[in-house]
Amino acid sequence: MSGDRGAAPSDSLERLSRMLEGVGFPHTIARVYAALTLAEGEGLSTTELVDALGVSRASISNAVQFLEGTELVERYRVRGSRESHYRMLKGRWGDVLARKIAATGYIRKIAEEVLATTTSPHARERLEEMHDVYAFFEQEFEGVIERFNERNGS
């Protein structure tokens, strides 16, 4: 795997993994995704992932199953090899972020519904803040997503 020029590949892998964990990826899934991101070629085999990350085949299997389910990674075959290889799918980060942004509407809606039935002044104050923050970002994100899609021809 190649890293940033001047940084050891393992340093880059660890930095990228920590960032992914910081935004909600489970530890092993973050490491697998980071390894695939930094792969020198098209992707990596199961054995290459096991060797690079020092985790079991079962851990790799679970991680790639999750990543395939979220449509961030796909499995592919290499002629002459009996094992699975995995590669990142291109153009997926916009979709991932759009799903995260869509959750703001859900949170705003639930806060609104609970607010309508809550009588405690303290609880109402906290719910109103939650509602207002998510309503603001929900509205702002609509324009951001439109501009992103226009820029990328989506």
C-alpha atoms as a PDB file:
ATOM      1  CA  MET A   1       0.000   0.000   0.000  1.00  0.00           C
ATOM      2  CA  SER A   2       1.207   3.460  -0.679  1.00  0.00           C
ATOM      3  CA  GLY A   3       0.816   6.351   1.711  1.00  0.00           C
ATOM      4  CA  ASP A   4       1.474  10.058   1.549  1.00  0.00           C
ATOM      5  CA  ARG A   5       4.908  10.893   0.203  1.00  0.00           C
ATOM      6  CA  GLY A   6       7.204  11.100   3.192  1.00  0.00           C
ATOM      7  CA  ALA A   7       4.834   9.201   5.504  1.00  0.00           C
ATOM      8  CA  ALA A   8       5.072   5.484   6.154  1.00  0.00           C
ATOM      9  CA  PRO A   9       2.085   3.563   4.782  1.00  0.00           C
ATOM     10  CA  SER A  10       1.202   2.344   8.276  1.00  0.00           C
ATOM     11  CA  ASP A  11       1.163   5.952   9.541  1.00  0.00           C
ATOM     12  CA  SER A  12      -1.215   6.944   6.754  1.00  0.00           C
ATOM     13  CA  LEU A  13      -3.364   3.889   7.402  1.00  0.00           C
ATOM     14  CA  GLU A  14      -3.595   4.716  11.094  1.00  0.00           C
ATOM     15  CA  ARG A  15      -4.401   8.389  10.482  1.00  0.00           C
ATOM     16  CA  LEU A  16      -7.088   7.553   7.943  1.00  0.00           C
ATOM     17  CA  SER A  17      -8.511   4.808  10.171  1.00  0.00           C
ATOM     18  CA  ARG A  18      -8.722   7.151  13.168  1.00  0.00           C
ATOM     19  CA  MET A  19     -10.497   9.764  11.061  1.00  0.00           C
ATOM     20  CA  LEU A  20     -13.032   7.188   9.834  1.00  0.00           C
ATOM     21  CA  GLU A  21     -13.601   5.971  13.386  1.00  0.00           C
ATOM     22  CA  GLY A  22     -14.098   9.582  14.432  1.00  0.00           C
ATOM     23  CA  VAL A  23     -16.992   9.908  11.994  1.00  0.00           C
ATOM     24  CA  GLY A  24     -18.631   6.680  13.124  1.00  0.00           C
ATOM     25  CA  PHE A  25     -16.986   3.738  11.364  1.00  0.00           C
ATOM     26  CA  PRO A  26     -16.374   0.738  13.662  1.00  0.00           C
ATOM     27  CA  HIS A  27     -12.654   0.068  14.221  1.00  0.00           C
ATOM     28  CA  THR A  28     -12.026  -2.901  11.901  1.00  0.00           C
ATOM     29  CA  ILE A  29     -14.301  -1.541   9.177  1.00  0.00           C
ATOM     30  CA  ALA A  30     -12.389   1.745   9.302  1.00  0.00           C
ATOM     31  CA  ARG A  31      -9.068  -0.102   8.981  1.00  0.00           C
ATOM     32  CA  VAL A  32     -10.276  -2.199   6.034  1.00  0.00           C
ATOM     33  CA  TYR A  33     -11.640   0.844   4.246  1.00  0.00           C
ATOM     34  CA  ALA A  34      -8.433   2.769   4.919  1.00  0.00           C
ATOM     35  CA  ALA A  35      -6.355  -0.140   3.570  1.00  0.00           C
ATOM     36  CA  LEU A  36      -8.452  -0.262   0.395  1.00  0.00           C
ATOM     37  CA  THR A  37      -8.154   3.512   0.033  1.00  0.00           C
ATOM     38  CA  LEU A  38      -4.364   3.301   0.229  1.00  0.00           C
ATOM     39  CA  ALA A  39      -3.981   0.197  -1.960  1.00  0.00           C
ATOM     40  CA  GLU A  40      -1.409   0.689  -4.711  1.00  0.00           C
ATOM     41  CA  GLY A  41      -3.423  -1.264  -7.242  1.00  0.00           C
ATOM     42  CA  GLU A  42      -7.104  -1.747  -7.939  1.00  0.00           C
ATOM     43  CA  GLY A  43      -7.815  -3.378  -4.600  1.00  0.00           C
ATOM     44  CA  LEU A  44      -6.661  -5.992  -2.119  1.00  0.00           C
ATOM     45  CA  SER A  45      -7.272  -9.697  -1.588  1.00  0.00           C
ATOM     46  CA  THR A  46      -8.547 -11.155   1.652  1.00  0.00           C
ATOM     47  CA  THR A  47      -5.047 -12.434   2.432  1.00  0.00           C
ATOM     48  CA  GLU A  48      -3.492  -9.035   1.732  1.00  0.00           C
ATOM     49  CA  LEU A  49      -5.998  -7.404   4.100  1.00  0.00           C
ATOM     50  CA  VAL A  50      -5.321 -10.021   6.798  1.00  0.00           C
ATOM     51  CA  ASP A  51      -1.562  -9.501   6.454  1.00  0.00           C
ATOM     52  CA  ALA A  52      -1.735  -5.708   6.317  1.00  0.00           C
ATOM     53  CA  LEU A  53      -4.089  -5.318   9.253  1.00  0.00           C
ATOM     54  CA  GLY A  54      -3.127  -8.261  11.440  1.00  0.00           C
ATOM     55  CA  VAL A  55      -6.737  -9.356  11.926  1.00  0.00           C
ATOM     56  CA  SER A  56      -8.540 -12.619  11.279  1.00  0.00           C
ATOM     57  CA  ARG A  57     -10.212 -13.668   8.033  1.00  0.00           C
ATOM     58  CA  ALA A  58     -13.532 -13.573   9.892  1.00  0.00           C
ATOM     59  CA  SER A  59     -12.933  -9.932  10.856  1.00  0.00           C
ATOM     60  CA  ILE A  60     -12.131  -9.077   7.241  1.00  0.00           C
ATOM     61  CA  SER A  61     -15.215 -10.961   6.075  1.00  0.00           C
ATOM     62  CA  ASN A  62     -17.468  -9.091   8.502  1.00  0.00           C
ATOM     63  CA  ALA A  63     -15.943  -5.724   7.604  1.00  0.00           C
ATOM     64  CA  VAL A  64     -16.224  -6.167   3.840  1.00  0.00           C
ATOM     65  CA  GLN A  65     -19.755  -7.520   4.217  1.00  0.00           C
ATOM     66  CA  PHE A  66     -20.701  -4.266   5.949  1.00  0.00           C
ATOM     67  CA  LEU A  67     -18.841  -2.146   3.379  1.00  0.00           C
ATOM     68  CA  GLU A  68     -20.491  -4.017   0.502  1.00  0.00           C
ATOM     69  CA  GLY A  69     -23.886  -3.486   2.131  1.00  0.00           C
ATOM     70  CA  THR A  70     -23.294   0.254   2.308  1.00  0.00           C
ATOM     71  CA  GLU A  71     -22.122   0.209  -1.311  1.00  0.00           C
ATOM     72  CA  LEU A  72     -18.694   1.604  -0.489  1.00  0.00           C
ATOM     73  CA  VAL A  73     -16.785  -1.514  -1.557  1.00  0.00           C
ATOM     74  CA  GLU A  74     -17.299  -4.286  -4.074  1.00  0.00           C
ATOM     75  CA  ARG A  75     -15.935  -7.796  -4.387  1.00  0.00           C
ATOM     76  CA  TYR A  76     -14.249  -8.765  -7.641  1.00  0.00           C
ATOM     77  CA  ARG A  77     -12.361 -11.729  -9.009  1.00  0.00           C
ATOM     78  CA  VAL A  78      -8.825 -11.827 -10.300  1.00  0.00           C
ATOM     79  CA  ARG A  79      -8.098 -14.367 -13.018  1.00  0.00           C
ATOM     80  CA  GLY A  80      -6.046 -17.219 -11.613  1.00  0.00           C
ATOM     81  CA  SER A  81      -6.898 -16.443  -7.994  1.00  0.00           C
ATOM     82  CA  ARG A  82      -9.376 -18.418  -5.932  1.00  0.00           C
ATOM     83  CA  GLU A  83      -9.786 -15.775  -3.278  1.00  0.00           C
ATOM     84  CA  SER A  84     -11.932 -12.680  -3.165  1.00  0.00           C
ATOM     85  CA  HIS A  85     -10.524  -9.258  -3.862  1.00  0.00           C
ATOM     86  CA  TYR A  86     -12.110  -5.998  -2.786  1.00  0.00           C
ATOM     87  CA  ARG A  87     -11.996  -2.485  -4.168  1.00  0.00           C
ATOM     88  CA  MET A  88     -13.568   0.824  -3.342  1.00  0.00           C
ATOM     89  CA  LEU A  89     -16.454   2.021  -5.450  1.00  0.00           C
ATOM     90  CA  LYS A  90     -15.926   5.470  -6.913  1.00  0.00           C
ATOM     91  CA  GLY A  91     -18.334   8.325  -6.439  1.00  0.00           C
ATOM     92  CA  ARG A  92     -19.804   7.003  -3.187  1.00  0.00           C
ATOM     93  CA  TRP A  93     -18.839   9.688  -0.669  1.00  0.00           C
ATOM     94  CA  GLY A  94     -21.489  12.101  -1.911  1.00  0.00           C
ATOM     95  CA  ASP A  95     -24.143   9.421  -1.392  1.00  0.00           C
ATOM     96  CA  VAL A  96     -22.830   8.603   2.070  1.00  0.00           C
ATOM     97  CA  LEU A  97     -22.957  12.241   3.077  1.00  0.00           C
ATOM     98  CA  ALA A  98     -26.412  12.691   1.525  1.00  0.00           C
ATOM     99  CA  ARG A  99     -27.718   9.807   3.681  1.00  0.00           C
ATOM    100  CA  LYS A 100     -26.197  11.391   6.765  1.00  0.00           C
ATOM    101  CA  ILE A 101     -27.755  14.710   5.859  1.00  0.00           C
ATOM    102  CA  ALA A 102     -31.133  13.060   5.278  1.00  0.00           C
ATOM    103  CA  ALA A 103     -30.976  11.894   8.891  1.00  0.00           C
ATOM    104  CA  THR A 104     -31.189  15.533   9.988  1.00  0.00           C
ATOM    105  CA  GLY A 105     -34.755  15.631   8.680  1.00  0.00           C
ATOM    106  CA  TYR A 106     -35.636  12.520  10.617  1.00  0.00           C
ATOM    107  CA  ILE A 107     -34.160  13.900  13.853  1.00  0.00           C
ATOM    108  CA  ARG A 108     -35.940  17.234  13.328  1.00  0.00           C
ATOM    109  CA  LYS A 109     -39.263  15.449  12.708  1.00  0.00           C
ATOM    110  CA  ILE A 110     -39.021  13.274  15.833  1.00  0.00           C
ATOM    111  CA  ALA A 111     -37.975  16.273  17.972  1.00  0.00           C
ATOM    112  CA  GLU A 112     -41.007  18.119  16.610  1.00  0.00           C
ATOM    113  CA  GLU A 113     -43.361  15.222  17.398  1.00  0.00           C
ATOM    114  CA  VAL A 114     -42.017  14.743  20.925  1.00  0.00           C
ATOM    115  CA  LEU A 115     -42.084  18.498  21.508  1.00  0.00           C
ATOM    116  CA  ALA A 116     -45.795  18.541  20.674  1.00  0.00           C
ATOM    117  CA  THR A 117     -46.537  16.144  23.538  1.00  0.00           C
ATOM    118  CA  THR A 118     -44.041  17.363  26.158  1.00  0.00           C
ATOM    119  CA  THR A 119     -45.166  19.652  28.958  1.00  0.00           C
ATOM    120  CA  SER A 120     -41.976  19.959  31.025  1.00  0.00           C
ATOM    121  CA  PRO A 121     -40.449  23.419  30.470  1.00  0.00           C
ATOM    122  CA  HIS A 122     -36.898  22.047  30.760  1.00  0.00           C
ATOM    123  CA  ALA A 123     -37.549  19.214  28.327  1.00  0.00           C
ATOM    124  CA  ARG A 124     -39.289  21.604  25.924  1.00  0.00           C
ATOM    125  CA  GLU A 125     -36.296  23.945  26.013  1.00  0.00           C
ATOM    126  CA  ARG A 126     -33.906  21.104  25.126  1.00  0.00           C
ATOM    127  CA  LEU A 127     -36.222  19.756  22.418  1.00  0.00           C
ATOM    128  CA  GLU A 128     -36.722  23.223  20.915  1.00  0.00           C
ATOM    129  CA  GLU A 129     -32.959  23.655  20.663  1.00  0.00           C
ATOM    130  CA  MET A 130     -32.605  20.234  19.031  1.00  0.00           C
ATOM    131  CA  HIS A 131     -35.440  20.990  16.638  1.00  0.00           C
ATOM    132  CA  ASP A 132     -34.115  24.436  15.703  1.00  0.00           C
ATOM    133  CA  VAL A 133     -30.570  23.208  15.055  1.00  0.00           C
ATOM    134  CA  TYR A 134     -31.687  20.299  12.884  1.00  0.00           C
ATOM    135  CA  ALA A 135     -34.320  22.362  11.055  1.00  0.00           C
ATOM    136  CA  PHE A 136     -31.664  24.948  10.193  1.00  0.00           C
ATOM    137  CA  PHE A 137     -29.162  22.393   8.896  1.00  0.00           C
ATOM    138  CA  GLU A 138     -31.842  20.429   7.050  1.00  0.00           C
ATOM    139  CA  GLN A 139     -32.786  23.569   5.131  1.00  0.00           C
ATOM    140  CA  GLU A 140     -29.182  24.612   4.494  1.00  0.00           C
ATOM    141  CA  PHE A 141     -28.103  21.150   3.341  1.00  0.00           C
ATOM    142  CA  GLU A 142     -30.759  21.080   0.617  1.00  0.00           C
ATOM    143  CA  GLY A 143     -28.920  23.820  -1.262  1.00  0.00           C
ATOM    144  CA  VAL A 144     -25.532  22.226  -0.635  1.00  0.00           C
ATOM    145  CA  ILE A 145     -26.689  18.891  -2.060  1.00  0.00           C
ATOM    146  CA  GLU A 146     -28.215  20.611  -5.104  1.00  0.00           C
ATOM    147  CA  ARG A 147     -24.964  22.488  -5.790  1.00  0.00           C
ATOM    148  CA  PHE A 148     -22.909  19.327  -5.298  1.00  0.00           C
ATOM    149  CA  ASN A 149     -25.119  17.369  -7.717  1.00  0.00           C
ATOM    150  CA  GLU A 150     -24.966  20.191 -10.295  1.00  0.00           C
ATOM    151  CA  ARG A 151     -21.164  20.299 -10.021  1.00  0.00           C
ATOM    152  CA  ASN A 152     -20.876  16.552 -10.471  1.00  0.00           C
ATOM    153  CA  GLY A 153     -23.544  16.238 -13.145  1.00  0.00           C
ATOM    154  CA  SER A 154     -25.673  13.968 -10.958  1.00  0.00           C
END
